[in-house]
Amino acid sequence: MLISKGYSVNDVICFKLMNGEEIVAKLVEEKTDSFVVVRPCTVLPSQQGLGLIQTLISGEVNTNISLSKMHVIMHSPVIRDIEKHYIKTTTGLQL
């Protein structure tokens, strides 16, 4: 089990799930048994590098999502380049 140093609200975090997917999302709240996140994106490799696509394509974009910790293998803050790409993908803002 990965020991977390703790996250702050609005941190952009990457999660490796038990099914092998990696997602990036903004933290809303960390609970004992789950992470509450918003705007989760799946990480996809592409010819131009890593890409992000909305994880819940048919879900409401601004809805808080509960991600059970029992399905998360590991988690970490994202590197700065991925954080910038995530913000651009989810908000349209270029940093």
N, C-alpha and C. Protein backbone atom coordinates (compact mmCIF):
# COMPACT_ATOMS: atom_id res chain seq x y z
N MET A 1 0.83 -1.17 0.00
CA MET A 1 0.00 0.00 0.00
C MET A 1 0.88 1.24 0.00
N LEU A 2 0.52 2.19 -0.84
CA LEU A 2 1.24 3.45 -0.92
C LEU A 2 0.80 4.35 0.24
N ILE A 3 1.76 4.90 0.95
CA ILE A 3 1.44 5.80 2.05
C ILE A 3 1.39 7.22 1.51
N SER A 4 0.26 7.83 1.63
CA SER A 4 0.04 9.16 1.09
C SER A 4 0.52 10.23 2.06
N LYS A 5 1.13 11.27 1.52
CA LYS A 5 1.51 12.42 2.34
C LYS A 5 0.32 13.33 2.58
N GLY A 6 -0.77 13.00 1.93
CA GLY A 6 -1.96 13.82 2.05
C GLY A 6 -2.06 14.79 0.89
N TYR A 7 -3.26 15.04 0.48
CA TYR A 7 -3.51 15.94 -0.64
C TYR A 7 -4.35 17.10 -0.17
N SER A 8 -4.36 18.16 -0.96
CA SER A 8 -5.21 19.31 -0.69
C SER A 8 -6.33 19.35 -1.71
N VAL A 9 -7.42 20.00 -1.35
CA VAL A 9 -8.53 20.20 -2.28
C VAL A 9 -7.98 20.91 -3.52
N ASN A 10 -8.44 20.48 -4.69
CA ASN A 10 -8.05 21.01 -6.01
C ASN A 10 -6.71 20.51 -6.52
N ASP A 11 -6.02 19.63 -5.77
CA ASP A 11 -4.82 18.99 -6.32
C ASP A 11 -5.23 18.11 -7.49
N VAL A 12 -4.39 18.07 -8.51
CA VAL A 12 -4.61 17.16 -9.63
C VAL A 12 -3.78 15.92 -9.35
N ILE A 13 -4.47 14.77 -9.33
CA ILE A 13 -3.87 13.51 -8.89
C ILE A 13 -4.04 12.46 -9.97
N CYS A 14 -3.05 11.57 -10.11
CA CYS A 14 -3.22 10.43 -11.01
C CYS A 14 -3.47 9.19 -10.15
N PHE A 15 -4.34 8.32 -10.66
CA PHE A 15 -4.72 7.09 -9.98
C PHE A 15 -4.49 5.92 -10.92
N LYS A 16 -3.83 4.88 -10.45
CA LYS A 16 -3.71 3.62 -11.18
C LYS A 16 -4.74 2.68 -10.59
N LEU A 17 -5.67 2.22 -11.43
CA LEU A 17 -6.77 1.39 -10.97
C LEU A 17 -6.45 -0.09 -11.13
N MET A 18 -7.20 -0.92 -10.45
CA MET A 18 -6.98 -2.37 -10.49
C MET A 18 -7.13 -2.94 -11.90
N ASN A 19 -7.93 -2.33 -12.75
CA ASN A 19 -8.11 -2.83 -14.11
C ASN A 19 -7.01 -2.38 -15.06
N GLY A 20 -6.02 -1.64 -14.55
CA GLY A 20 -4.89 -1.20 -15.36
C GLY A 20 -5.02 0.21 -15.90
N GLU A 21 -6.21 0.79 -15.83
CA GLU A 21 -6.39 2.16 -16.32
C GLU A 21 -5.68 3.15 -15.41
N GLU A 22 -5.25 4.23 -16.02
CA GLU A 22 -4.71 5.35 -15.25
C GLU A 22 -5.62 6.54 -15.52
N ILE A 23 -6.08 7.17 -14.46
CA ILE A 23 -6.92 8.36 -14.62
C ILE A 23 -6.30 9.53 -13.88
N VAL A 24 -6.62 10.71 -14.36
CA VAL A 24 -6.18 11.96 -13.75
C VAL A 24 -7.44 12.73 -13.40
N ALA A 25 -7.50 13.29 -12.20
CA ALA A 25 -8.70 14.02 -11.77
C ALA A 25 -8.32 15.06 -10.72
N LYS A 26 -9.21 16.03 -10.56
CA LYS A 26 -9.03 17.06 -9.53
C LYS A 26 -9.71 16.60 -8.26
N LEU A 27 -9.00 16.67 -7.13
CA LEU A 27 -9.53 16.22 -5.85
C LEU A 27 -10.52 17.23 -5.27
N VAL A 28 -11.67 16.71 -4.85
CA VAL A 28 -12.67 17.51 -4.15
C VAL A 28 -12.57 17.24 -2.65
N GLU A 29 -12.39 15.95 -2.31
CA GLU A 29 -12.33 15.55 -0.89
C GLU A 29 -11.71 14.16 -0.81
N GLU A 30 -10.92 13.92 0.23
CA GLU A 30 -10.42 12.57 0.50
C GLU A 30 -11.13 12.05 1.74
N LYS A 31 -11.80 10.92 1.57
CA LYS A 31 -12.49 10.27 2.68
C LYS A 31 -11.71 9.03 3.10
N THR A 32 -12.12 8.40 4.18
CA THR A 32 -11.45 7.21 4.67
C THR A 32 -11.41 6.10 3.62
N ASP A 33 -12.52 5.90 2.91
CA ASP A 33 -12.62 4.78 1.97
C ASP A 33 -12.71 5.19 0.50
N SER A 34 -12.61 6.49 0.22
CA SER A 34 -12.73 6.92 -1.18
C SER A 34 -12.10 8.28 -1.41
N PHE A 35 -11.85 8.55 -2.69
CA PHE A 35 -11.47 9.88 -3.14
C PHE A 35 -12.69 10.45 -3.86
N VAL A 36 -13.07 11.66 -3.54
CA VAL A 36 -14.13 12.33 -4.29
C VAL A 36 -13.41 13.26 -5.26
N VAL A 37 -13.67 13.05 -6.56
CA VAL A 37 -12.97 13.79 -7.60
C VAL A 37 -13.98 14.39 -8.57
N VAL A 38 -13.50 15.30 -9.39
CA VAL A 38 -14.32 15.90 -10.44
C VAL A 38 -13.52 15.86 -11.74
N ARG A 39 -14.23 15.73 -12.85
CA ARG A 39 -13.66 15.72 -14.19
C ARG A 39 -12.54 14.70 -14.37
N PRO A 40 -12.81 13.41 -14.08
CA PRO A 40 -11.79 12.39 -14.29
C PRO A 40 -11.52 12.20 -15.78
N CYS A 41 -10.25 12.05 -16.12
CA CYS A 41 -9.83 11.80 -17.50
C CYS A 41 -8.95 10.56 -17.54
N THR A 42 -9.14 9.75 -18.56
CA THR A 42 -8.31 8.56 -18.77
C THR A 42 -7.07 8.97 -19.56
N VAL A 43 -5.92 8.45 -19.16
CA VAL A 43 -4.67 8.73 -19.84
C VAL A 43 -4.53 7.75 -21.01
N LEU A 44 -4.30 8.30 -22.21
CA LEU A 44 -4.15 7.49 -23.41
C LEU A 44 -2.85 7.86 -24.11
N PRO A 45 -2.04 6.85 -24.48
CA PRO A 45 -0.85 7.16 -25.27
C PRO A 45 -1.26 7.48 -26.72
N SER A 46 -0.56 8.43 -27.33
CA SER A 46 -0.81 8.77 -28.72
C SER A 46 0.52 9.06 -29.40
N GLN A 47 0.49 9.28 -30.71
CA GLN A 47 1.72 9.58 -31.44
C GLN A 47 2.34 10.90 -31.00
N GLN A 48 1.52 11.80 -30.48
CA GLN A 48 2.03 13.10 -30.01
C GLN A 48 2.41 13.08 -28.53
N GLY A 49 2.31 11.95 -27.87
CA GLY A 49 2.60 11.84 -26.43
C GLY A 49 1.37 11.36 -25.70
N LEU A 50 1.25 11.73 -24.46
CA LEU A 50 0.09 11.30 -23.67
C LEU A 50 -1.10 12.20 -23.94
N GLY A 51 -2.27 11.57 -24.06
CA GLY A 51 -3.51 12.31 -24.25
C GLY A 51 -4.46 12.04 -23.11
N LEU A 52 -5.46 12.87 -22.97
CA LEU A 52 -6.48 12.70 -21.94
C LEU A 52 -7.85 12.72 -22.60
N ILE A 53 -8.72 11.81 -22.16
CA ILE A 53 -10.09 11.76 -22.65
C ILE A 53 -11.01 11.63 -21.44
N GLN A 54 -12.16 12.27 -21.50
CA GLN A 54 -13.11 12.20 -20.39
C GLN A 54 -13.41 10.74 -20.07
N THR A 55 -13.27 10.34 -18.81
CA THR A 55 -13.46 8.95 -18.40
C THR A 55 -14.91 8.52 -18.52
N LEU A 56 -15.82 9.33 -18.04
CA LEU A 56 -17.25 9.02 -18.11
C LEU A 56 -17.86 9.84 -19.25
N ILE A 57 -17.78 9.31 -20.45
CA ILE A 57 -18.18 10.05 -21.64
C ILE A 57 -19.64 10.48 -21.58
N SER A 58 -20.51 9.64 -21.03
CA SER A 58 -21.93 9.99 -20.98
C SER A 58 -22.34 10.61 -19.63
N GLY A 59 -21.37 10.82 -18.75
CA GLY A 59 -21.67 11.39 -17.43
C GLY A 59 -21.65 12.91 -17.45
N GLU A 60 -22.32 13.50 -16.50
CA GLU A 60 -22.32 14.95 -16.33
C GLU A 60 -20.91 15.39 -15.93
N VAL A 61 -20.34 16.31 -16.67
CA VAL A 61 -18.94 16.71 -16.50
C VAL A 61 -18.63 17.25 -15.11
N ASN A 62 -19.49 18.09 -14.56
CA ASN A 62 -19.19 18.75 -13.29
C ASN A 62 -19.74 18.04 -12.06
N THR A 63 -20.07 16.76 -12.19
CA THR A 63 -20.57 15.98 -11.06
C THR A 63 -19.40 15.39 -10.27
N ASN A 64 -19.49 15.43 -8.96
CA ASN A 64 -18.47 14.79 -8.13
C ASN A 64 -18.59 13.28 -8.26
N ILE A 65 -17.44 12.62 -8.39
CA ILE A 65 -17.36 11.18 -8.57
C ILE A 65 -16.65 10.59 -7.37
N SER A 66 -17.21 9.52 -6.81
CA SER A 66 -16.57 8.83 -5.70
C SER A 66 -15.76 7.66 -6.25
N LEU A 67 -14.47 7.68 -6.00
CA LEU A 67 -13.54 6.64 -6.46
C LEU A 67 -13.12 5.82 -5.25
N SER A 68 -13.60 4.58 -5.18
CA SER A 68 -13.32 3.73 -4.03
C SER A 68 -11.83 3.42 -3.91
N LYS A 69 -11.27 3.58 -2.74
CA LYS A 69 -9.85 3.29 -2.52
C LYS A 69 -9.52 1.82 -2.70
N MET A 70 -10.54 0.95 -2.56
CA MET A 70 -10.25 -0.49 -2.74
C MET A 70 -9.99 -0.83 -4.21
N HIS A 71 -10.28 0.07 -5.15
CA HIS A 71 -10.03 -0.16 -6.57
C HIS A 71 -8.80 0.59 -7.06
N VAL A 72 -8.14 1.32 -6.17
CA VAL A 72 -6.96 2.10 -6.52
C VAL A 72 -5.71 1.35 -6.04
N ILE A 73 -4.81 1.05 -6.99
CA ILE A 73 -3.56 0.36 -6.63
C ILE A 73 -2.56 1.37 -6.08
N MET A 74 -2.45 2.51 -6.76
CA MET A 74 -1.53 3.57 -6.29
C MET A 74 -2.02 4.91 -6.80
N HIS A 75 -1.54 5.96 -6.18
CA HIS A 75 -1.91 7.33 -6.54
C HIS A 75 -0.76 8.26 -6.25
N SER A 76 -0.74 9.37 -6.97
CA SER A 76 0.36 10.31 -6.83
C SER A 76 -0.04 11.66 -7.40
N PRO A 77 0.57 12.74 -6.93
CA PRO A 77 0.38 14.02 -7.64
C PRO A 77 0.94 13.85 -9.05
N VAL A 78 0.37 14.54 -10.02
CA VAL A 78 0.85 14.43 -11.40
C VAL A 78 2.05 15.34 -11.63
N ILE A 79 2.80 15.04 -12.68
CA ILE A 79 3.90 15.91 -13.06
C ILE A 79 3.31 17.20 -13.66
N ARG A 80 4.06 18.25 -13.66
CA ARG A 80 3.57 19.58 -14.05
C ARG A 80 3.02 19.60 -15.48
N ASP A 81 3.70 18.92 -16.42
CA ASP A 81 3.24 18.92 -17.81
C ASP A 81 1.86 18.27 -17.95
N ILE A 82 1.61 17.19 -17.21
CA ILE A 82 0.30 16.53 -17.26
C ILE A 82 -0.75 17.42 -16.58
N GLU A 83 -0.38 18.09 -15.50
CA GLU A 83 -1.32 18.99 -14.84
C GLU A 83 -1.75 20.11 -15.80
N LYS A 84 -0.79 20.69 -16.54
CA LYS A 84 -1.12 21.74 -17.51
C LYS A 84 -2.03 21.19 -18.60
N HIS A 85 -1.73 19.98 -19.09
CA HIS A 85 -2.54 19.36 -20.14
C HIS A 85 -3.95 19.05 -19.62
N TYR A 86 -4.05 18.59 -18.37
CA TYR A 86 -5.35 18.31 -17.75
C TYR A 86 -6.18 19.59 -17.66
N ILE A 87 -5.59 20.67 -17.20
CA ILE A 87 -6.30 21.94 -17.07
C ILE A 87 -6.76 22.43 -18.45
N LYS A 88 -5.89 22.32 -19.45
CA LYS A 88 -6.27 22.72 -20.81
C LYS A 88 -7.41 21.86 -21.33
N THR A 89 -7.35 20.55 -21.09
CA THR A 89 -8.37 19.62 -21.57
C THR A 89 -9.72 19.85 -20.89
N THR A 90 -9.71 20.12 -19.60
CA THR A 90 -10.97 20.22 -18.84
C THR A 90 -11.56 21.62 -18.81
N THR A 91 -10.74 22.64 -19.02
CA THR A 91 -11.24 24.01 -18.93
C THR A 91 -11.04 24.83 -20.21
N GLY A 92 -10.12 24.40 -21.05
CA GLY A 92 -9.80 25.17 -22.25
C GLY A 92 -8.77 26.26 -22.00
N LEU A 93 -8.33 26.40 -20.75
CA LEU A 93 -7.33 27.44 -20.42
C LEU A 93 -5.93 26.95 -20.73
N GLN A 94 -5.15 27.76 -21.40
CA GLN A 94 -3.76 27.45 -21.73
C GLN A 94 -2.87 28.08 -20.68
N LEU A 95 -2.08 27.27 -19.98
CA LEU A 95 -1.16 27.81 -18.96
C LEU A 95 0.20 28.10 -19.56
